[in-house]
Amino acid sequence: MSDTQQLWTDYAACWSAEPGERLAALGAVAVDEVGYRDPGTEVSGLAELADYMAGFAGAFPGHRFRIDEVLEHHDRSLARWTQLSEQGEPAMAGVSTALHRDGRLADVTGFFLPA
């Protein structure tokens, strides 16, 4: 597994991390002033992103993300992912792109793919 694939895998785990561990886990993979956006939101900073992730975890209990493929070049990457239900069944698919800084995610944009 490449370093960038591991980075995305660790980032994906933040979405389903225990509430008391989420912020520290996120800080290990993203810069303090990380930007995040998807079709429904735009947040900035580790605390806002951790709060958004907590809202996701509350809305989709037991769900997690699997990173299926990562492409990378020039401090940028694209990750294809699948959201898995509590039973491990695919619930949604998407892609996310990121700019990297100092080996961590600095700006993340998520896109949801049509079913």
Protein backbone atom coordinates (compact mmCIF):
# COMPACT_ATOMS: atom_id res chain seq x y z
CA MET A 1 0.00 0.00 0.00
CA SER A 2 1.41 3.38 -0.98
CA ASP A 3 1.83 6.15 1.59
CA THR A 4 -1.00 8.07 -0.07
CA GLN A 5 -3.32 5.04 -0.04
CA GLN A 6 -2.54 4.63 3.68
CA LEU A 7 -3.23 8.32 4.26
CA TRP A 8 -6.66 7.99 2.63
CA THR A 9 -7.39 4.77 4.52
CA ASP A 10 -6.53 6.47 7.82
CA TYR A 11 -8.62 9.51 6.84
CA ALA A 12 -11.58 7.26 5.95
CA ALA A 13 -11.34 5.63 9.39
CA CYS A 14 -11.83 9.06 11.01
CA TRP A 15 -15.43 9.11 9.77
CA SER A 16 -16.31 6.13 11.97
CA ALA A 17 -13.79 6.71 14.78
CA GLU A 18 -14.83 6.78 18.41
CA PRO A 19 -15.92 10.32 19.33
CA GLY A 20 -13.10 10.80 21.85
CA GLU A 21 -10.49 9.68 19.33
CA ARG A 22 -11.74 11.38 16.16
CA LEU A 23 -10.01 14.77 16.49
CA ALA A 24 -6.59 13.26 17.28
CA ALA A 25 -6.93 10.73 14.44
CA LEU A 26 -7.93 13.50 12.06
CA GLY A 27 -4.99 15.64 13.17
CA ALA A 28 -2.63 12.83 12.19
CA VAL A 29 -3.84 12.87 8.57
CA ALA A 30 -4.90 16.48 7.92
CA VAL A 31 -3.37 19.90 8.51
CA ASP A 32 -4.88 22.13 11.23
CA GLU A 33 -6.55 24.45 8.72
CA VAL A 34 -7.85 21.64 6.48
CA GLY A 35 -10.65 22.61 4.12
CA TYR A 36 -13.45 20.17 3.34
CA ARG A 37 -16.45 20.38 1.05
CA ASP A 38 -19.01 18.04 -0.42
CA PRO A 39 -22.35 18.79 -2.12
CA GLY A 40 -24.00 19.49 1.24
CA THR A 41 -21.40 21.40 3.23
CA GLU A 42 -18.18 23.35 3.42
CA VAL A 43 -16.12 23.47 6.61
CA SER A 44 -12.63 24.54 7.57
CA GLY A 45 -10.30 23.46 10.33
CA LEU A 46 -9.89 20.18 12.18
CA ALA A 47 -12.59 20.91 14.80
CA GLU A 48 -15.28 21.79 12.23
CA LEU A 49 -14.45 18.76 10.12
CA ALA A 50 -14.46 16.49 13.19
CA ASP A 51 -17.89 17.89 14.13
CA TYR A 52 -19.17 17.25 10.61
CA MET A 53 -17.84 13.69 10.79
CA ALA A 54 -19.61 13.22 14.13
CA GLY A 55 -22.86 14.29 12.48
CA PHE A 56 -22.30 11.70 9.75
CA ALA A 57 -21.63 9.00 12.34
CA GLY A 58 -24.86 9.93 14.13
CA ALA A 59 -26.89 9.91 10.93
CA PHE A 60 -25.39 6.64 9.66
CA PRO A 61 -24.60 4.50 12.74
CA GLY A 62 -22.21 1.67 12.00
CA HIS A 63 -21.33 2.92 8.51
CA ARG A 64 -17.73 3.22 7.40
CA PHE A 65 -15.78 4.10 4.27
CA ARG A 66 -13.59 1.77 2.24
CA ILE A 67 -10.94 3.27 -0.01
CA ASP A 68 -11.08 1.37 -3.29
CA GLU A 69 -8.45 3.15 -5.39
CA VAL A 70 -6.05 6.07 -5.09
CA LEU A 71 -4.40 8.04 -7.88
CA GLU A 72 -1.75 10.63 -7.08
CA HIS A 73 0.71 13.13 -8.51
CA HIS A 74 2.21 16.54 -7.65
CA ASP A 75 0.90 16.69 -4.04
CA ARG A 76 -2.64 15.92 -5.22
CA SER A 77 -4.67 12.76 -5.06
CA LEU A 78 -8.00 11.28 -5.98
CA ALA A 79 -9.59 8.49 -3.94
CA ARG A 80 -12.46 6.32 -5.11
CA TRP A 81 -14.45 5.14 -2.09
CA THR A 82 -17.46 3.12 -1.04
CA GLN A 83 -19.63 3.85 1.99
CA LEU A 84 -20.47 0.55 3.65
CA SER A 85 -23.49 -0.11 5.85
CA GLU A 86 -23.27 -1.66 9.29
CA GLN A 87 -23.69 -5.04 7.56
CA GLY A 88 -20.85 -4.27 5.13
CA GLU A 89 -23.12 -3.71 2.15
CA PRO A 90 -22.40 -0.82 -0.27
CA ALA A 91 -24.61 2.18 0.59
CA MET A 92 -23.04 4.88 -1.60
CA ALA A 93 -20.00 5.44 -3.78
CA GLY A 94 -17.99 8.50 -4.56
CA VAL A 95 -14.66 10.10 -5.23
CA SER A 96 -12.72 12.62 -3.23
CA THR A 97 -9.82 14.79 -4.29
CA ALA A 98 -7.23 16.41 -2.08
CA LEU A 99 -4.30 18.75 -2.09
CA HIS A 100 -1.51 17.62 0.22
CA ARG A 101 0.84 19.61 2.41
CA ASP A 102 3.62 18.15 4.54
CA GLY A 103 2.37 14.62 3.91
CA ARG A 104 -1.17 15.35 5.14
CA LEU A 105 -4.44 16.33 3.54
CA ALA A 106 -4.84 20.10 3.23
CA ASP A 107 -7.96 20.54 1.11
CA VAL A 108 -10.52 17.79 0.46
CA THR A 109 -13.49 17.79 -1.92
CA GLY A 110 -15.94 14.91 -1.98
CA PHE A 111 -18.27 13.94 -4.82
CA PHE A 112 -21.14 11.46 -4.54
CA LEU A 113 -21.68 9.20 -7.55
CA PRO A 114 -25.19 8.52 -8.81
CA ALA A 115 -26.68 5.17 -7.85
